[in-house]
PDB file of all heavy atoms in Angstrom:
ATOM      1  N   ALA A   1     -22.825  80.801   4.864  1.00  0.00           N
ATOM      2  CA  ALA A   1     -21.815  79.745   4.973  1.00  0.00           C
ATOM      3  C   ALA A   1     -22.463  78.369   4.906  1.00  0.00           C
ATOM      4  O   ALA A   1     -21.952  77.464   4.229  1.00  0.00           O
ATOM      5  CB  ALA A   1     -21.034  79.912   6.273  1.00  0.00           C
ATOM      6  N   MET A   2     -23.591  78.206   5.584  1.00  0.00           N
ATOM      7  CA  MET A   2     -24.294  76.924   5.551  1.00  0.00           C
ATOM      8  C   MET A   2     -24.753  76.602   4.136  1.00  0.00           C
ATOM      9  O   MET A   2     -24.651  75.461   3.674  1.00  0.00           O
ATOM     10  CB  MET A   2     -25.491  76.958   6.498  1.00  0.00           C
ATOM     11  CG  MET A   2     -25.143  76.791   7.952  1.00  0.00           C
ATOM     12  SD  MET A   2     -24.508  75.134   8.310  1.00  0.00           S
ATOM     13  CE  MET A   2     -24.177  75.316  10.067  1.00  0.00           C
ATOM     14  N   GLY A   3     -25.268  77.602   3.448  1.00  0.00           N
ATOM     15  CA  GLY A   3     -25.723  77.370   2.087  1.00  0.00           C
ATOM     16  C   GLY A   3     -24.605  76.874   1.185  1.00  0.00           C
ATOM     17  O   GLY A   3     -24.808  75.973   0.356  1.00  0.00           O
ATOM     18  N   ARG A   4     -23.419  77.443   1.342  1.00  0.00           N
ATOM     19  CA  ARG A   4     -22.301  77.041   0.491  1.00  0.00           C
ATOM     20  C   ARG A   4     -21.725  75.693   0.899  1.00  0.00           C
ATOM     21  O   ARG A   4     -21.245  74.933   0.049  1.00  0.00           O
ATOM     22  CB  ARG A   4     -21.209  78.113   0.559  1.00  0.00           C
ATOM     23  CG  ARG A   4     -21.630  79.426  -0.095  1.00  0.00           C
ATOM     24  CD  ARG A   4     -20.533  80.471  -0.009  1.00  0.00           C
ATOM     25  NE  ARG A   4     -20.938  81.701  -0.695  1.00  0.00           N
ATOM     26  CZ  ARG A   4     -20.211  82.803  -0.732  1.00  0.00           C
ATOM     27  NH1 ARG A   4     -19.026  82.830  -0.108  1.00  0.00           N
ATOM     28  NH2 ARG A   4     -20.640  83.876  -1.366  1.00  0.00           N
ATOM     29  N   LEU A   5     -21.791  75.391   2.175  1.00  0.00           N
ATOM     30  CA  LEU A   5     -21.186  74.150   2.646  1.00  0.00           C
ATOM     31  C   LEU A   5     -22.092  72.937   2.478  1.00  0.00           C
ATOM     32  O   LEU A   5     -21.619  71.831   2.189  1.00  0.00           O
ATOM     33  CB  LEU A   5     -20.807  74.286   4.129  1.00  0.00           C
ATOM     34  CG  LEU A   5     -19.645  75.206   4.464  1.00  0.00           C
ATOM     35  CD1 LEU A   5     -19.521  75.397   5.968  1.00  0.00           C
ATOM     36  CD2 LEU A   5     -18.344  74.637   3.907  1.00  0.00           C
ATOM     37  N   VAL A   6     -23.414  73.138   2.677  1.00  0.00           N
ATOM     38  CA  VAL A   6     -24.289  71.966   2.742  1.00  0.00           C
ATOM     39  C   VAL A   6     -25.296  71.883   1.598  1.00  0.00           C
ATOM     40  O   VAL A   6     -25.771  70.789   1.276  1.00  0.00           O
ATOM     41  CB  VAL A   6     -25.038  71.912   4.090  1.00  0.00           C
ATOM     42  CG1 VAL A   6     -24.065  71.989   5.243  1.00  0.00           C
ATOM     43  CG2 VAL A   6     -26.090  73.003   4.202  1.00  0.00           C
ATOM     44  N   GLY A   7     -25.675  73.006   0.997  1.00  0.00           N
ATOM     45  CA  GLY A   7     -26.668  72.955  -0.071  1.00  0.00           C
ATOM     46  C   GLY A   7     -27.970  72.341   0.413  1.00  0.00           C
ATOM     47  O   GLY A   7     -28.594  72.830   1.344  1.00  0.00           O
ATOM     48  N   GLN A   8     -28.379  71.224  -0.189  1.00  0.00           N
ATOM     49  CA  GLN A   8     -29.611  70.532   0.172  1.00  0.00           C
ATOM     50  C   GLN A   8     -29.389  69.441   1.222  1.00  0.00           C
ATOM     51  O   GLN A   8     -30.339  68.770   1.620  1.00  0.00           O
ATOM     52  CB  GLN A   8     -30.224  69.891  -1.079  1.00  0.00           C
ATOM     53  CG  GLN A   8     -30.643  70.884  -2.149  1.00  0.00           C
ATOM     54  CD  GLN A   8     -31.906  71.626  -1.758  1.00  0.00           C
ATOM     55  OE1 GLN A   8     -32.881  71.041  -1.313  1.00  0.00           O
ATOM     56  NE2 GLN A   8     -31.895  72.939  -1.930  1.00  0.00           N
ATOM     57  N   ARG A   9     -28.187  69.267   1.688  1.00  0.00           N
ATOM     58  CA  ARG A   9     -27.870  68.170   2.626  1.00  0.00           C
ATOM     59  C   ARG A   9     -28.176  68.611   4.052  1.00  0.00           C
ATOM     60  O   ARG A   9     -27.298  69.004   4.807  1.00  0.00           O
ATOM     61  CB  ARG A   9     -26.411  67.768   2.465  1.00  0.00           C
ATOM     62  CG  ARG A   9     -26.070  67.181   1.081  1.00  0.00           C
ATOM     63  CD  ARG A   9     -24.580  66.999   0.908  1.00  0.00           C
ATOM     64  NE  ARG A   9     -23.870  68.281   0.873  1.00  0.00           N
ATOM     65  CZ  ARG A   9     -22.552  68.402   0.806  1.00  0.00           C
ATOM     66  NH1 ARG A   9     -21.779  67.322   0.774  1.00  0.00           N
ATOM     67  NH2 ARG A   9     -21.993  69.603   0.765  1.00  0.00           N
ATOM     68  N   TRP A  10     -29.436  68.492   4.407  1.00  0.00           N
ATOM     69  CA  TRP A  10     -29.881  69.017   5.697  1.00  0.00           C
ATOM     70  C   TRP A  10     -29.310  68.237   6.877  1.00  0.00           C
ATOM     71  O   TRP A  10     -29.123  68.796   7.961  1.00  0.00           O
ATOM     72  CB  TRP A  10     -31.405  69.060   5.759  1.00  0.00           C
ATOM     73  CG  TRP A  10     -32.087  67.730   5.615  1.00  0.00           C
ATOM     74  CD1 TRP A  10     -32.510  67.146   4.466  1.00  0.00           C
ATOM     75  CD2 TRP A  10     -32.442  66.836   6.682  1.00  0.00           C
ATOM     76  NE1 TRP A  10     -33.102  65.938   4.726  1.00  0.00           N
ATOM     77  CE2 TRP A  10     -33.075  65.729   6.083  1.00  0.00           C
ATOM     78  CE3 TRP A  10     -32.284  66.870   8.067  1.00  0.00           C
ATOM     79  CZ2 TRP A  10     -33.550  64.640   6.828  1.00  0.00           C
ATOM     80  CZ3 TRP A  10     -32.752  65.802   8.812  1.00  0.00           C
ATOM     81  CH2 TRP A  10     -33.376  64.707   8.210  1.00  0.00           C
ATOM     82  N   ARG A  11     -29.014  66.968   6.698  1.00  0.00           N
ATOM     83  CA  ARG A  11     -28.405  66.209   7.804  1.00  0.00           C
ATOM     84  C   ARG A  11     -27.011  66.737   8.116  1.00  0.00           C
ATOM     85  O   ARG A  11     -26.614  66.817   9.288  1.00  0.00           O
ATOM     86  CB  ARG A  11     -28.357  64.716   7.460  1.00  0.00           C
ATOM     87  CG  ARG A  11     -29.728  64.039   7.430  1.00  0.00           C
ATOM     88  CD  ARG A  11     -29.594  62.543   7.143  1.00  0.00           C
ATOM     89  NE  ARG A  11     -30.887  61.885   7.165  1.00  0.00           N
ATOM     90  CZ  ARG A  11     -31.708  61.817   6.120  1.00  0.00           C
ATOM     91  NH1 ARG A  11     -31.351  62.398   4.963  1.00  0.00           N
ATOM     92  NH2 ARG A  11     -32.871  61.189   6.211  1.00  0.00           N
ATOM     93  N   LEU A  12     -26.276  67.086   7.074  1.00  0.00           N
ATOM     94  CA  LEU A  12     -24.962  67.697   7.295  1.00  0.00           C
ATOM     95  C   LEU A  12     -25.116  69.045   7.983  1.00  0.00           C
ATOM     96  O   LEU A  12     -24.311  69.410   8.849  1.00  0.00           O
ATOM     97  CB  LEU A  12     -24.234  67.860   5.956  1.00  0.00           C
ATOM     98  CG  LEU A  12     -22.869  68.555   6.002  1.00  0.00           C
ATOM     99  CD1 LEU A  12     -21.911  67.810   6.924  1.00  0.00           C
ATOM    100  CD2 LEU A  12     -22.281  68.679   4.598  1.00  0.00           C
ATOM    101  N   GLU A  13     -26.159  69.777   7.622  1.00  0.00           N
ATOM    102  CA  GLU A  13     -26.416  71.056   8.279  1.00  0.00           C
ATOM    103  C   GLU A  13     -26.646  70.863   9.768  1.00  0.00           C
ATOM    104  O   GLU A  13     -26.120  71.617  10.599  1.00  0.00           O
ATOM    105  CB  GLU A  13     -27.625  71.733   7.632  1.00  0.00           C
ATOM    106  CG  GLU A  13     -27.924  73.110   8.194  1.00  0.00           C
ATOM    107  CD  GLU A  13     -28.945  73.865   7.373  1.00  0.00           C
ATOM    108  OE1 GLU A  13     -29.531  73.256   6.444  1.00  0.00           O
ATOM    109  OE2 GLU A  13     -29.150  75.064   7.642  1.00  0.00           O
ATOM    110  N   LEU A  14     -27.434  69.850  10.133  1.00  0.00           N
ATOM    111  CA  LEU A  14     -27.667  69.574  11.545  1.00  0.00           C
ATOM    112  C   LEU A  14     -26.363  69.228  12.254  1.00  0.00           C
ATOM    113  O   LEU A  14     -26.134  69.639  13.400  1.00  0.00           O
ATOM    114  CB  LEU A  14     -28.669  68.430  11.701  1.00  0.00           C
ATOM    115  CG  LEU A  14     -30.106  68.707  11.264  1.00  0.00           C
ATOM    116  CD1 LEU A  14     -30.975  67.468  11.472  1.00  0.00           C
ATOM    117  CD2 LEU A  14     -30.696  69.893  12.034  1.00  0.00           C
ATOM    118  N   ALA A  15     -25.501  68.484  11.565  1.00  0.00           N
ATOM    119  CA  ALA A  15     -24.223  68.119  12.171  1.00  0.00           C
ATOM    120  C   ALA A  15     -23.353  69.354  12.409  1.00  0.00           C
ATOM    121  O   ALA A  15     -22.722  69.492  13.471  1.00  0.00           O
ATOM    122  CB  ALA A  15     -23.493  67.116  11.276  1.00  0.00           C
ATOM    123  N   LEU A  16     -23.325  70.263  11.445  1.00  0.00           N
ATOM    124  CA  LEU A  16     -22.518  71.475  11.599  1.00  0.00           C
ATOM    125  C   LEU A  16     -23.088  72.383  12.683  1.00  0.00           C
ATOM    126  O   LEU A  16     -22.340  72.997  13.453  1.00  0.00           O
ATOM    127  CB  LEU A  16     -22.436  72.219  10.269  1.00  0.00           C
ATOM    128  CG  LEU A  16     -21.643  71.513   9.162  1.00  0.00           C
ATOM    129  CD1 LEU A  16     -21.682  72.339   7.876  1.00  0.00           C
ATOM    130  CD2 LEU A  16     -20.207  71.275   9.599  1.00  0.00           C
ATOM    131  N   LEU A  17     -24.410  72.470  12.740  1.00  0.00           N
ATOM    132  CA  LEU A  17     -25.025  73.245  13.822  1.00  0.00           C
ATOM    133  C   LEU A  17     -24.696  72.625  15.173  1.00  0.00           C
ATOM    134  O   LEU A  17     -24.427  73.339  16.157  1.00  0.00           O
ATOM    135  CB  LEU A  17     -26.535  73.324  13.621  1.00  0.00           C
ATOM    136  CG  LEU A  17     -27.016  74.203  12.459  1.00  0.00           C
ATOM    137  CD1 LEU A  17     -28.519  74.064  12.275  1.00  0.00           C
ATOM    138  CD2 LEU A  17     -26.650  75.670  12.697  1.00  0.00           C
ATOM    139  N   GLY A  18     -24.721  71.309  15.230  1.00  0.00           N
ATOM    140  CA  GLY A  18     -24.345  70.637  16.474  1.00  0.00           C
ATOM    141  C   GLY A  18     -22.920  70.955  16.881  1.00  0.00           C
ATOM    142  O   GLY A  18     -22.619  71.146  18.066  1.00  0.00           O
ATOM    143  N   ALA A  19     -22.027  71.036  15.897  1.00  0.00           N
ATOM    144  CA  ALA A  19     -20.634  71.383  16.200  1.00  0.00           C
ATOM    145  C   ALA A  19     -20.527  72.796  16.753  1.00  0.00           C
ATOM    146  O   ALA A  19     -19.739  73.060  17.685  1.00  0.00           O
ATOM    147  CB  ALA A  19     -19.786  71.235  14.935  1.00  0.00           C
ATOM    148  N   LEU A  20     -21.309  73.739  16.198  1.00  0.00           N
ATOM    149  CA  LEU A  20     -21.320  75.101  16.734  1.00  0.00           C
ATOM    150  C   LEU A  20     -21.774  75.112  18.184  1.00  0.00           C
ATOM    151  O   LEU A  20     -21.201  75.803  19.034  1.00  0.00           O
ATOM    152  CB  LEU A  20     -22.246  75.986  15.893  1.00  0.00           C
ATOM    153  CG  LEU A  20     -21.729  76.510  14.559  1.00  0.00           C
ATOM    154  CD1 LEU A  20     -22.824  77.312  13.863  1.00  0.00           C
ATOM    155  CD2 LEU A  20     -20.490  77.378  14.760  1.00  0.00           C
ATOM    156  N   ALA A  21     -22.838  74.349  18.472  1.00  0.00           N
ATOM    157  CA  ALA A  21     -23.358  74.301  19.842  1.00  0.00           C
ATOM    158  C   ALA A  21     -22.328  73.709  20.797  1.00  0.00           C
ATOM    159  O   ALA A  21     -22.102  74.232  21.899  1.00  0.00           O
ATOM    160  CB  ALA A  21     -24.648  73.484  19.876  1.00  0.00           C
ATOM    161  N   ILE A  22     -21.686  72.636  20.385  1.00  0.00           N
ATOM    162  CA  ILE A  22     -20.674  72.003  21.236  1.00  0.00           C
ATOM    163  C   ILE A  22     -19.518  72.961  21.499  1.00  0.00           C
ATOM    164  O   ILE A  22     -19.012  73.065  22.626  1.00  0.00           O
ATOM    165  CB  ILE A  22     -20.166  70.703  20.585  1.00  0.00           C
ATOM    166  CG1 ILE A  22     -21.281  69.649  20.593  1.00  0.00           C
ATOM    167  CG2 ILE A  22     -18.929  70.174  21.314  1.00  0.00           C
ATOM    168  CD1 ILE A  22     -20.964  68.413  19.788  1.00  0.00           C
ATOM    169  N   GLY A  23     -19.108  73.688  20.471  1.00  0.00           N
ATOM    170  CA  GLY A  23     -18.024  74.648  20.659  1.00  0.00           C
ATOM    171  C   GLY A  23     -18.383  75.736  21.643  1.00  0.00           C
ATOM    172  O   GLY A  23     -17.561  76.128  22.483  1.00  0.00           O
ATOM    173  N   SER A  24     -19.611  76.229  21.565  1.00  0.00           N
ATOM    174  CA  SER A  24     -20.057  77.271  22.489  1.00  0.00           C
ATOM    175  C   SER A  24     -20.107  76.755  23.921  1.00  0.00           C
ATOM    176  O   SER A  24     -19.638  77.425  24.856  1.00  0.00           O
ATOM    177  CB  SER A  24     -21.431  77.785  22.047  1.00  0.00           C
ATOM    178  OG  SER A  24     -21.932  78.743  22.948  1.00  0.00           O
ATOM    179  N   VAL A  25     -20.655  75.566  24.104  1.00  0.00           N
ATOM    180  CA  VAL A  25     -20.741  74.983  25.445  1.00  0.00           C
ATOM    181  C   VAL A  25     -19.344  74.708  25.997  1.00  0.00           C
ATOM    182  O   VAL A  25     -19.074  74.939  27.187  1.00  0.00           O
ATOM    183  CB  VAL A  25     -21.585  73.696  25.415  1.00  0.00           C
ATOM    184  CG1 VAL A  25     -21.508  72.967  26.758  1.00  0.00           C
ATOM    185  CG2 VAL A  25     -23.031  74.011  25.079  1.00  0.00           C
ATOM    186  N   ALA A  26     -18.454  74.240  25.145  1.00  0.00           N
ATOM    187  CA  ALA A  26     -17.088  73.965  25.587  1.00  0.00           C
ATOM    188  C   ALA A  26     -16.391  75.244  26.044  1.00  0.00           C
ATOM    189  O   ALA A  26     -15.676  75.250  27.061  1.00  0.00           O
ATOM    190  CB  ALA A  26     -16.303  73.298  24.457  1.00  0.00           C
ATOM    191  N   LEU A  27     -16.594  76.327  25.309  1.00  0.00           N
ATOM    192  CA  LEU A  27     -15.966  77.596  25.679  1.00  0.00           C
ATOM    193  C   LEU A  27     -16.476  78.096  27.022  1.00  0.00           C
ATOM    194  O   LEU A  27     -15.676  78.473  27.890  1.00  0.00           O
ATOM    195  CB  LEU A  27     -16.238  78.638  24.597  1.00  0.00           C
ATOM    196  CG  LEU A  27     -15.735  80.055  24.896  1.00  0.00           C
ATOM    197  CD1 LEU A  27     -14.226  80.072  25.088  1.00  0.00           C
ATOM    198  CD2 LEU A  27     -16.139  81.025  23.795  1.00  0.00           C
ATOM    199  N   ARG A  28     -17.811  78.095  27.227  1.00  0.00           N
ATOM    200  CA  ARG A  28     -18.342  78.598  28.492  1.00  0.00           C
ATOM    201  C   ARG A  28     -17.893  77.703  29.653  1.00  0.00           C
ATOM    202  O   ARG A  28     -17.628  78.187  30.755  1.00  0.00           O
ATOM    203  CB  ARG A  28     -19.849  78.765  28.446  1.00  0.00           C
ATOM    204  CG  ARG A  28     -20.663  77.521  28.320  1.00  0.00           C
ATOM    205  CD  ARG A  28     -22.170  77.800  28.303  1.00  0.00           C
ATOM    206  NE  ARG A  28     -22.631  78.221  29.619  1.00  0.00           N
ATOM    207  CZ  ARG A  28     -23.085  79.436  29.909  1.00  0.00           C
ATOM    208  NH1 ARG A  28     -23.132  80.364  29.000  1.00  0.00           N
ATOM    209  NH2 ARG A  28     -23.489  79.719  31.138  1.00  0.00           N
ATOM    210  N   SER A  29     -17.779  76.400  29.412  1.00  0.00           N
ATOM    211  CA  SER A  29     -17.329  75.490  30.467  1.00  0.00           C
ATOM    212  C   SER A  29     -15.869  75.742  30.815  1.00  0.00           C
ATOM    213  O   SER A  29     -15.482  75.721  31.992  1.00  0.00           O
ATOM    214  CB  SER A  29     -17.525  74.032  30.026  1.00  0.00           C
ATOM    215  OG  SER A  29     -18.897  73.747  29.799  1.00  0.00           O
TER     216      SER A  29
END
């Protein structure tokens, strides 16, 4: 999914990974 969404745009990849982390933390909270 990351490959299709971001390609070579690694900063966007970091942003999407950050969103995954925030979602996980929000759920456990």
